[in-house]
């Protein structure tokens, strides 16, 4: 697999993990699970499938300054810097043109810097199988076998079987559906033909660039302009000039919804996108009462509650199914089932021009 590369997108903030996650301290740079940051977990679980020099990071300069010290054995040149965030579509395109310059036959696994994966060996095994499928020219997505009818994830419908690769059943991906309502999610779940869209894709780089050319010709032209200047004295200037003009669009809308010859591998890898504080209650083992303490917590008659404080003891009495997150300048208290609404807090702070809290 000498031409197999992992490209980790690490440009997001993680607004639903406010007040801990901020623009200057994004979700991937936080120690949320164990004694490693989410970014360190993402890097470490790739070995030995991907040598360090086959792991590239696509992120902004400020994020790179936070993340590079966390992985000193990752070559600096493997950090591919975006001048500004343009969503995942252009980010993966930027990673693709860099890898294509390095190796025209490269196969690229597009992965994330801030997800949790419990079954690491199985994750590496399915990535190895996906590389074999991608070598046939198909685009591959990792589908997560759903264990409840979630309205928070996109779905992939499985078509006919394409056979087994390294023991994993591979299916034709018939359709991508964005986050459904509850009735639709229930129908998807009961049919047994749908996987959650993990946002992890594996493709030959030349195939990906061909999809950009077919589906997003203007974005493809902009990427090729940047690619032509890579490694030249004009490289930084061209990137700085072209990048702000690039359409801001996710890879799902830019490529996946209209892509041809897509395969899905449904797999249980103990995956979570750590999309809210409530998700940590599902991931991290709690005490006998189901409480998860990420700092000093004195619990009295408290059940299924998550507590995180940066500097002080938190005492809770009579709480059930709650989230308590305390930082120097903000305190969040909300029911577990309202944890997704933290994004609305961030939106209100933006409207109120409270940028110091963002």
Protein backbone atom coordinates (compact mmCIF):
# COMPACT_ATOMS: atom_id res chain seq x y z
CA UNK A 1 0.00 0.00 0.00
CA UNK A 2 2.87 2.34 -0.74
CA UNK A 3 0.54 4.74 -2.58
CA UNK A 4 -2.13 4.81 0.18
CA UNK A 5 -2.41 8.09 2.09
CA UNK A 6 -4.60 9.38 4.91
CA UNK A 7 -5.81 12.98 4.63
CA UNK A 8 -7.22 14.29 7.91
CA UNK A 9 -9.46 17.34 7.72
CA UNK A 10 -8.82 19.39 10.86
CA UNK A 11 -10.32 22.78 10.21
CA UNK A 12 -13.55 22.76 12.23
CA UNK A 13 -14.32 24.29 15.62
CA UNK A 14 -16.97 22.03 17.17
CA UNK A 15 -19.50 24.65 18.23
CA UNK A 16 -21.71 22.13 20.05
CA UNK A 17 -18.89 21.60 22.55
CA UNK A 18 -18.95 25.26 23.64
CA UNK A 19 -17.92 26.70 26.08
CA UNK A 20 -14.82 24.48 26.06
CA UNK A 21 -14.39 24.42 22.29
CA UNK A 22 -13.55 27.87 20.90
CA UNK A 23 -12.09 29.27 17.68
CA UNK A 24 -8.70 29.54 19.40
CA UNK A 25 -9.06 26.09 21.00
CA UNK A 26 -11.06 23.87 18.63
CA UNK A 27 -12.59 20.50 19.42
CA UNK A 28 -9.80 18.47 17.80
CA UNK A 29 -7.20 20.11 20.08
CA UNK A 30 -9.10 19.21 23.30
CA UNK A 31 -8.47 16.34 25.67
CA UNK A 32 -11.99 14.97 25.93
CA UNK A 33 -11.30 11.23 26.14
CA UNK A 34 -8.34 9.97 28.14
CA UNK A 35 -5.00 11.77 28.17
CA UNK A 36 -4.84 12.44 24.41
CA UNK A 37 -6.45 15.15 22.33
CA UNK A 38 -8.98 14.14 19.67
CA UNK A 39 -6.35 14.95 17.04
CA UNK A 40 -3.75 12.73 18.71
CA UNK A 41 -6.26 9.87 18.83
CA UNK A 42 -6.96 10.39 15.10
CA UNK A 43 -3.25 10.19 14.22
CA UNK A 44 -2.32 7.32 16.52
CA UNK A 45 -5.05 4.95 15.38
CA UNK A 46 -3.71 5.04 11.80
CA UNK A 47 -0.44 3.26 12.62
CA UNK A 48 0.88 0.93 11.33
CA UNK A 49 -1.44 1.00 8.28
CA UNK A 50 -0.22 4.48 7.32
CA UNK A 51 3.41 5.47 7.91
CA UNK A 52 3.70 8.96 9.38
CA UNK A 53 4.92 10.46 6.10
CA UNK A 54 1.73 9.14 4.45
CA UNK A 55 -0.52 11.16 6.77
CA UNK A 56 -1.38 14.70 5.68
CA UNK A 57 -3.41 17.28 7.59
CA UNK A 58 -5.58 19.90 5.88
CA UNK A 59 -6.24 22.80 8.22
CA UNK A 60 -5.80 26.53 8.76
CA UNK A 61 -2.58 28.16 9.92
CA UNK A 62 -3.84 28.96 13.44
CA UNK A 63 -5.06 25.41 13.95
CA UNK A 64 -1.79 24.03 12.60
CA UNK A 65 0.11 26.03 15.22
CA UNK A 66 -1.94 24.22 17.89
CA UNK A 67 -1.77 20.77 16.32
CA UNK A 68 1.84 20.53 15.11
CA UNK A 69 3.32 20.42 18.65
CA UNK A 70 0.92 17.56 19.47
CA UNK A 71 2.45 15.37 16.74
CA UNK A 72 6.17 16.22 16.57
CA UNK A 73 6.92 13.11 14.48
CA UNK A 74 4.64 14.31 11.65
CA UNK A 75 6.65 16.17 8.98
CA UNK A 76 5.82 19.89 8.84
CA UNK A 77 5.37 19.70 5.08
CA UNK A 78 2.51 17.24 5.65
CA UNK A 79 0.42 20.10 7.06
CA UNK A 80 -1.47 21.52 4.06
CA UNK A 81 -2.65 25.01 5.01
CA UNK A 82 -5.88 26.64 3.88
CA UNK A 83 -5.81 30.46 3.87
CA UNK A 84 -9.37 30.34 5.27
CA UNK A 85 -12.09 27.75 5.83
CA UNK A 86 -14.16 26.97 2.71
CA UNK A 87 -15.87 23.82 4.07
CA UNK A 88 -14.90 20.21 3.37
CA UNK A 89 -15.28 20.19 -0.44
CA UNK A 90 -12.44 22.60 -1.24
CA UNK A 91 -10.41 21.25 1.70
CA UNK A 92 -10.39 17.72 0.33
CA UNK A 93 -9.67 19.12 -3.14
CA UNK A 94 -6.64 20.95 -1.78
CA UNK A 95 -5.39 17.75 -0.14
CA UNK A 96 -5.98 15.86 -3.39
CA UNK A 97 -3.89 18.16 -5.59
CA UNK A 98 -1.00 17.98 -3.12
CA UNK A 99 -1.13 14.18 -3.03
CA UNK A 100 -1.51 13.95 -6.82
CA UNK A 101 1.67 16.01 -7.22
CA UNK A 102 3.46 13.68 -4.82
CA UNK A 103 2.07 10.46 -6.31
CA UNK A 104 -0.24 10.49 -9.39
CA UNK A 105 -1.45 6.99 -8.45
CA UNK A 106 -2.24 7.91 -4.84
CA UNK A 107 -5.27 6.48 -3.06
CA UNK A 108 -6.59 8.85 -0.42
CA UNK A 109 -8.61 8.09 2.71
CA UNK A 110 -10.42 11.26 3.76
CA UNK A 111 -10.72 11.10 7.55
CA UNK A 112 -11.64 13.40 10.41
CA UNK A 113 -9.65 14.85 13.30
CA UNK A 114 -12.40 14.91 15.92
CA UNK A 115 -14.35 11.63 15.82
CA UNK A 116 -14.18 8.77 18.33
CA UNK A 117 -13.57 5.17 17.21
CA UNK A 118 -13.64 2.44 19.84
CA UNK A 119 -12.62 -0.58 17.72
CA UNK A 120 -9.34 0.66 16.29
CA UNK A 121 -8.07 -2.62 14.80
CA UNK A 122 -11.35 -3.14 12.97
CA UNK A 123 -11.16 0.45 11.72
CA UNK A 124 -7.71 -0.17 10.23
CA UNK A 125 -8.92 -3.45 8.71
CA UNK A 126 -11.87 -1.80 6.97
CA UNK A 127 -9.61 0.99 5.68
CA UNK A 128 -7.31 -1.66 4.18
CA UNK A 129 -10.32 -3.34 2.52
CA UNK A 130 -11.62 0.02 1.27
CA UNK A 131 -8.28 0.72 -0.44
CA UNK A 132 -8.69 -2.47 -2.48
CA UNK A 133 -12.20 -1.40 -3.53
CA UNK A 134 -10.96 2.10 -4.41
CA UNK A 135 -8.23 0.62 -6.61
CA UNK A 136 -11.02 -0.72 -8.87
CA UNK A 137 -12.04 2.90 -9.56
CA UNK A 138 -14.98 3.13 -7.20
CA UNK A 139 -15.45 5.78 -4.57
CA UNK A 140 -15.89 4.15 -1.16
CA UNK A 141 -17.72 5.44 1.89
CA UNK A 142 -17.62 3.87 5.32
CA UNK A 143 -21.17 3.38 6.53
CA UNK A 144 -21.93 3.03 10.23
CA UNK A 145 -24.44 0.35 11.14
CA UNK A 146 -27.17 2.33 12.96
CA UNK A 147 -28.23 1.22 16.42
CA UNK A 148 -31.17 3.65 16.66
CA UNK A 149 -33.16 5.87 14.24
CA UNK A 150 -31.00 9.00 14.48
CA UNK A 151 -32.16 12.31 12.96
CA UNK A 152 -28.69 13.78 13.48
CA UNK A 153 -26.83 11.86 10.76
CA UNK A 154 -27.09 11.51 7.00
CA UNK A 155 -27.89 8.07 5.59
CA UNK A 156 -26.59 5.88 2.75
CA UNK A 157 -28.88 3.32 1.10
CA UNK A 158 -27.29 -0.02 0.26
CA UNK A 159 -27.99 -1.57 -3.11
CA UNK A 160 -26.74 -4.86 -4.54
CA UNK A 161 -23.74 -6.62 -3.03
CA UNK A 162 -20.43 -6.08 -4.79
CA UNK A 163 -18.82 -8.99 -2.98
CA UNK A 164 -16.44 -9.34 -0.08
CA UNK A 165 -13.09 -7.63 0.34
CA UNK A 166 -10.92 -8.88 3.21
CA UNK A 167 -14.04 -10.26 4.90
CA UNK A 168 -16.09 -7.05 4.64
CA UNK A 169 -19.31 -7.08 2.60
CA UNK A 170 -19.32 -4.23 0.09
CA UNK A 171 -22.50 -2.80 -1.44
CA UNK A 172 -23.38 -0.39 -4.21
CA UNK A 173 -24.35 2.92 -2.60
CA UNK A 174 -27.68 3.82 -4.19
CA UNK A 175 -28.51 7.12 -2.51
CA UNK A 176 -27.29 9.66 0.04
CA UNK A 177 -29.97 11.32 2.20
CA UNK A 178 -29.32 14.28 4.47
CA UNK A 179 -30.52 14.30 8.08
CA UNK A 180 -34.12 12.95 7.96
CA UNK A 181 -37.11 13.60 10.19
CA UNK A 182 -37.94 11.00 12.85
CA UNK A 183 -40.52 9.08 10.82
CA UNK A 184 -38.11 8.74 7.89
CA UNK A 185 -35.24 7.77 10.19
CA UNK A 186 -37.47 5.09 11.76
CA UNK A 187 -38.31 3.69 8.32
CA UNK A 188 -34.63 3.70 7.32
CA UNK A 189 -33.65 1.95 10.55
CA UNK A 190 -36.31 -0.75 10.23
CA UNK A 191 -35.51 -1.49 6.58
CA UNK A 192 -31.98 -2.68 7.40
CA UNK A 193 -30.78 -1.19 4.09
CA UNK A 194 -29.34 2.05 5.42
CA UNK A 195 -26.08 3.06 7.10
CA UNK A 196 -25.20 6.33 8.76
CA UNK A 197 -22.89 8.48 6.64
CA UNK A 198 -19.64 8.63 8.62
CA UNK A 199 -18.13 11.34 6.43
CA UNK A 200 -15.12 9.10 5.76
CA UNK A 201 -14.38 8.44 2.08
CA UNK A 202 -11.70 6.51 0.21
CA UNK A 203 -10.87 7.19 -3.44
CA UNK A 204 -8.13 7.25 -6.00
CA UNK A 205 -7.02 10.87 -6.21
CA UNK A 206 -7.31 10.93 -10.01
CA UNK A 207 -10.90 9.64 -9.71
CA UNK A 208 -11.74 12.34 -7.16
CA UNK A 209 -10.31 15.10 -9.36
CA UNK A 210 -12.29 13.74 -12.31
CA UNK A 211 -15.47 14.01 -10.22
CA UNK A 212 -14.63 17.63 -9.38
CA UNK A 213 -14.18 18.30 -13.11
CA UNK A 214 -17.51 16.66 -14.00
CA UNK A 215 -19.64 18.02 -11.16
CA UNK A 216 -17.95 21.29 -10.13
CA UNK A 217 -16.02 22.50 -13.19
CA UNK A 218 -15.37 26.02 -11.87
CA UNK A 219 -14.03 24.66 -8.57
CA UNK A 220 -11.92 22.16 -10.52
CA UNK A 221 -10.41 24.96 -12.62
CA UNK A 222 -9.52 26.88 -9.46
CA UNK A 223 -7.91 23.80 -7.93
CA UNK A 224 -5.90 23.22 -11.11
CA UNK A 225 -4.69 26.82 -11.06
CA UNK A 226 -3.42 26.23 -7.52
CA UNK A 227 -1.98 22.85 -8.52
CA UNK A 228 -0.01 24.34 -11.44
CA UNK A 229 1.70 26.73 -9.02
CA UNK A 230 2.58 24.15 -6.36
CA UNK A 231 6.31 24.01 -5.69
CA UNK A 232 6.99 27.23 -7.60
CA UNK A 233 7.93 30.67 -6.22
CA UNK A 234 4.37 31.78 -7.08
CA UNK A 235 2.67 28.98 -5.13
CA UNK A 236 1.76 30.97 -2.00
CA UNK A 237 0.62 34.02 -4.00
CA UNK A 238 -1.63 31.99 -6.30
CA UNK A 239 -3.19 30.12 -3.36
CA UNK A 240 -3.85 33.41 -1.53
CA UNK A 241 -5.46 34.93 -4.64
CA UNK A 242 -7.60 31.98 -5.72
CA UNK A 243 -8.74 30.52 -2.40
CA UNK A 244 -11.06 33.36 -1.26
CA UNK A 245 -12.95 33.08 -4.56
CA UNK A 246 -13.63 29.35 -4.12
CA UNK A 247 -17.19 28.25 -3.44
CA UNK A 248 -17.86 27.27 0.17
CA UNK A 249 -19.39 23.81 -0.07
CA UNK A 250 -19.30 20.46 1.73
CA UNK A 251 -17.85 17.38 0.06
CA UNK A 252 -21.26 15.68 0.40
CA UNK A 253 -22.94 18.33 -1.78
CA UNK A 254 -19.94 18.94 -4.05
CA UNK A 255 -19.11 15.32 -4.86
CA UNK A 256 -20.91 12.53 -3.03
CA UNK A 257 -24.56 13.22 -3.85
CA UNK A 258 -23.85 13.22 -7.59
CA UNK A 259 -20.95 10.76 -7.71
CA UNK A 260 -21.06 7.65 -9.88
CA UNK A 261 -19.89 4.15 -8.96
CA UNK A 262 -19.96 4.61 -5.20
CA UNK A 263 -19.59 1.69 -2.80
CA UNK A 264 -20.50 1.56 0.88
CA UNK A 265 -18.99 -0.74 3.50
CA UNK A 266 -21.32 -0.98 6.51
CA UNK A 267 -19.24 -1.56 9.62
CA UNK A 268 -19.42 -1.36 13.40
CA UNK A 269 -16.27 0.40 14.60
CA UNK A 270 -17.69 1.95 17.77
CA UNK A 271 -17.97 5.30 15.98
CA UNK A 272 -19.19 8.63 17.29
CA UNK A 273 -18.78 12.06 15.75
CA UNK A 274 -18.67 13.49 19.31
CA UNK A 275 -21.23 15.96 18.07
CA UNK A 276 -22.33 17.21 21.48
CA UNK A 277 -21.61 16.97 25.19
CA UNK A 278 -24.31 14.32 25.46
CA UNK A 279 -22.34 12.00 23.15
CA UNK A 280 -19.56 11.80 25.75
CA UNK A 281 -22.04 10.26 28.19
CA UNK A 282 -22.45 7.44 25.68
CA UNK A 283 -18.73 7.03 24.98
CA UNK A 284 -17.03 7.38 28.37
CA UNK A 285 -17.82 4.78 31.05
CA UNK A 286 -19.65 6.41 33.95
CA UNK A 287 -19.78 5.62 37.66
CA UNK A 288 -22.45 3.44 39.27
CA UNK A 289 -24.99 6.24 38.78
CA UNK A 290 -24.00 6.78 35.15
CA UNK A 291 -22.25 10.07 35.87
CA UNK A 292 -19.21 11.08 33.81
CA UNK A 293 -16.81 13.38 35.66
CA UNK A 294 -14.14 14.98 33.47
CA UNK A 295 -12.90 16.95 36.49
CA UNK A 296 -13.49 16.98 40.25
CA UNK A 297 -17.19 16.29 40.93
CA UNK A 298 -19.03 15.70 44.19
CA UNK A 299 -22.32 14.04 43.26
CA UNK A 300 -25.22 13.73 45.67
CA UNK A 301 -28.33 12.00 44.39
CA UNK A 302 -27.11 12.71 40.85
CA UNK A 303 -27.59 10.38 37.87
CA UNK A 304 -26.47 10.25 34.21
CA UNK A 305 -24.87 13.70 34.41
CA UNK A 306 -21.67 14.94 32.75
CA UNK A 307 -19.48 17.46 34.57
CA UNK A 308 -16.42 19.27 33.27
CA UNK A 309 -14.77 22.17 35.10
CA UNK A 310 -11.42 23.78 34.40
CA UNK A 311 -10.51 24.99 37.87
CA UNK A 312 -13.02 24.19 40.61
CA UNK A 313 -14.94 21.44 42.30
CA UNK A 314 -18.48 21.07 40.99
CA UNK A 315 -21.14 19.85 43.42
CA UNK A 316 -24.46 18.59 42.10
CA UNK A 317 -27.51 17.63 44.16
CA UNK A 318 -30.55 15.91 42.72
CA UNK A 319 -29.61 16.25 39.04
CA UNK A 320 -30.59 13.73 36.36
CA UNK A 321 -29.59 13.64 32.70
CA UNK A 322 -27.78 16.98 32.79
CA UNK A 323 -24.69 18.62 31.28
CA UNK A 324 -22.54 21.00 33.37
CA UNK A 325 -19.47 22.59 31.74
CA UNK A 326 -17.58 25.32 33.58
CA UNK A 327 -14.77 27.45 32.11
CA UNK A 328 -13.05 30.68 33.21
CA UNK A 329 -15.56 32.91 31.48
CA UNK A 330 -18.69 30.84 30.86
CA UNK A 331 -20.89 28.21 32.51
CA UNK A 332 -23.17 25.87 30.55
CA UNK A 333 -26.01 23.97 32.26
CA UNK A 334 -28.54 22.11 30.15
CA UNK A 335 -30.53 18.86 30.00
CA UNK A 336 -28.79 16.07 28.14
CA UNK A 337 -31.54 15.95 25.53
CA UNK A 338 -31.00 19.65 24.71
CA UNK A 339 -27.23 19.35 24.19
CA UNK A 340 -27.57 19.83 20.40
CA UNK A 341 -29.01 23.29 21.09
CA UNK A 342 -25.62 24.57 22.27
CA UNK A 343 -25.04 25.64 18.65
CA UNK A 344 -27.90 28.11 19.12
CA UNK A 345 -25.97 29.66 22.02
CA UNK A 346 -22.98 30.24 19.75
CA UNK A 347 -25.28 31.79 17.14
CA UNK A 348 -26.75 34.16 19.75
CA UNK A 349 -23.29 35.16 20.94
CA UNK A 350 -22.33 35.98 17.35
CA UNK A 351 -25.45 38.13 16.97
CA UNK A 352 -24.65 39.91 20.23
CA UNK A 353 -21.07 40.50 19.07
CA UNK A 354 -19.61 38.65 22.03
CA UNK A 355 -16.59 37.51 20.01
CA UNK A 356 -14.46 37.17 23.15
CA UNK A 357 -16.62 34.15 24.07
CA UNK A 358 -16.25 32.49 20.70
